[in-house]
């Protein structure tokens, strides 16, 4: 279901940096809290426990440079539009 994704660090309420995922779906209509929870569970089962994304955002496009690199600084500030 996932076309592309980017993960950045974000501070939680205790100021610890934890993963935040920005995801572009093949079919944007499938975006739901159920899908986000399925992605979290998949990550928990396949990655180290501290690596699963605490926050998941579904977006239409990831912000990119002219050469196609993801502009993670825009995601860190919550600006996912290019």
Protein backbone atom coordinates (compact mmCIF):
# COMPACT_ATOMS: atom_id res chain seq x y z
CA UNK A 1 0.00 0.00 0.00
CA UNK A 2 2.96 2.35 0.56
CA UNK A 3 4.44 4.16 -2.44
CA UNK A 4 7.15 6.06 -0.53
CA UNK A 5 7.92 7.15 3.01
CA UNK A 6 10.25 9.37 4.98
CA UNK A 7 11.05 9.25 8.67
CA UNK A 8 12.34 12.15 10.76
CA UNK A 9 12.98 12.65 14.46
CA UNK A 10 10.48 14.54 16.61
CA UNK A 11 10.61 15.35 20.31
CA UNK A 12 7.84 13.89 22.44
CA UNK A 13 6.37 15.44 25.59
CA UNK A 14 9.43 14.30 27.60
CA UNK A 15 11.82 15.85 25.02
CA UNK A 16 13.06 12.47 23.76
CA UNK A 17 13.52 12.23 19.98
CA UNK A 18 11.32 9.54 18.45
CA UNK A 19 10.48 8.52 14.85
CA UNK A 20 7.74 10.32 12.92
CA UNK A 21 6.71 8.88 9.55
CA UNK A 22 5.37 10.72 6.51
CA UNK A 23 3.80 8.27 4.05
CA UNK A 24 2.56 8.52 0.48
CA UNK A 25 0.10 5.74 -0.33
CA UNK A 26 -0.46 4.13 -3.73
CA UNK A 27 -4.17 4.71 -3.14
CA UNK A 28 -4.70 7.82 -0.97
CA UNK A 29 -8.27 6.71 -0.20
CA UNK A 30 -6.89 3.92 2.01
CA UNK A 31 -5.50 6.38 4.58
CA UNK A 32 -7.00 5.56 7.98
CA UNK A 33 -6.09 5.17 11.61
CA UNK A 34 -6.43 1.39 11.11
CA UNK A 35 -3.78 1.45 8.39
CA UNK A 36 -1.53 3.63 10.57
CA UNK A 37 -1.89 1.10 13.40
CA UNK A 38 -1.14 -1.79 10.99
CA UNK A 39 2.04 0.02 9.88
CA UNK A 40 3.07 0.61 13.52
CA UNK A 41 2.51 -3.06 14.35
CA UNK A 42 4.50 -4.19 11.30
CA UNK A 43 7.38 -1.92 12.33
CA UNK A 44 7.25 -3.15 15.93
CA UNK A 45 7.47 -6.75 14.72
CA UNK A 46 10.30 -6.23 12.23
CA UNK A 47 12.44 -3.44 13.73
CA UNK A 48 14.04 -2.76 17.07
CA UNK A 49 11.37 -1.59 19.54
CA UNK A 50 12.63 2.00 19.70
CA UNK A 51 12.48 2.42 15.90
CA UNK A 52 8.74 2.18 15.26
CA UNK A 53 7.10 5.48 14.24
CA UNK A 54 5.12 7.07 17.07
CA UNK A 55 3.36 9.45 14.68
CA UNK A 56 2.22 8.63 11.15
CA UNK A 57 1.03 11.22 8.64
CA UNK A 58 -0.45 10.35 5.25
CA UNK A 59 0.38 12.94 2.58
CA UNK A 60 -0.16 13.20 -1.17
CA UNK A 61 3.49 14.04 -1.94
CA UNK A 62 6.74 14.39 -0.04
CA UNK A 63 8.60 17.69 -0.43
CA UNK A 64 11.55 17.18 -2.77
CA UNK A 65 14.40 19.11 -4.32
CA UNK A 66 14.78 19.52 -8.08
CA UNK A 67 17.01 16.43 -8.07
CA UNK A 68 14.41 14.32 -6.24
CA UNK A 69 15.87 14.24 -2.72
CA UNK A 70 13.37 14.44 0.12
CA UNK A 71 13.50 17.72 2.01
CA UNK A 72 13.39 16.30 5.52
CA UNK A 73 13.80 19.74 7.11
CA UNK A 74 10.31 20.59 5.85
CA UNK A 75 8.93 17.45 7.44
CA UNK A 76 10.62 18.25 10.77
CA UNK A 77 8.78 21.56 10.88
CA UNK A 78 5.50 19.91 9.89
CA UNK A 79 5.43 21.46 6.42
CA UNK A 80 4.91 18.59 4.04
CA UNK A 81 3.99 20.60 0.95
CA UNK A 82 6.62 21.40 -1.65
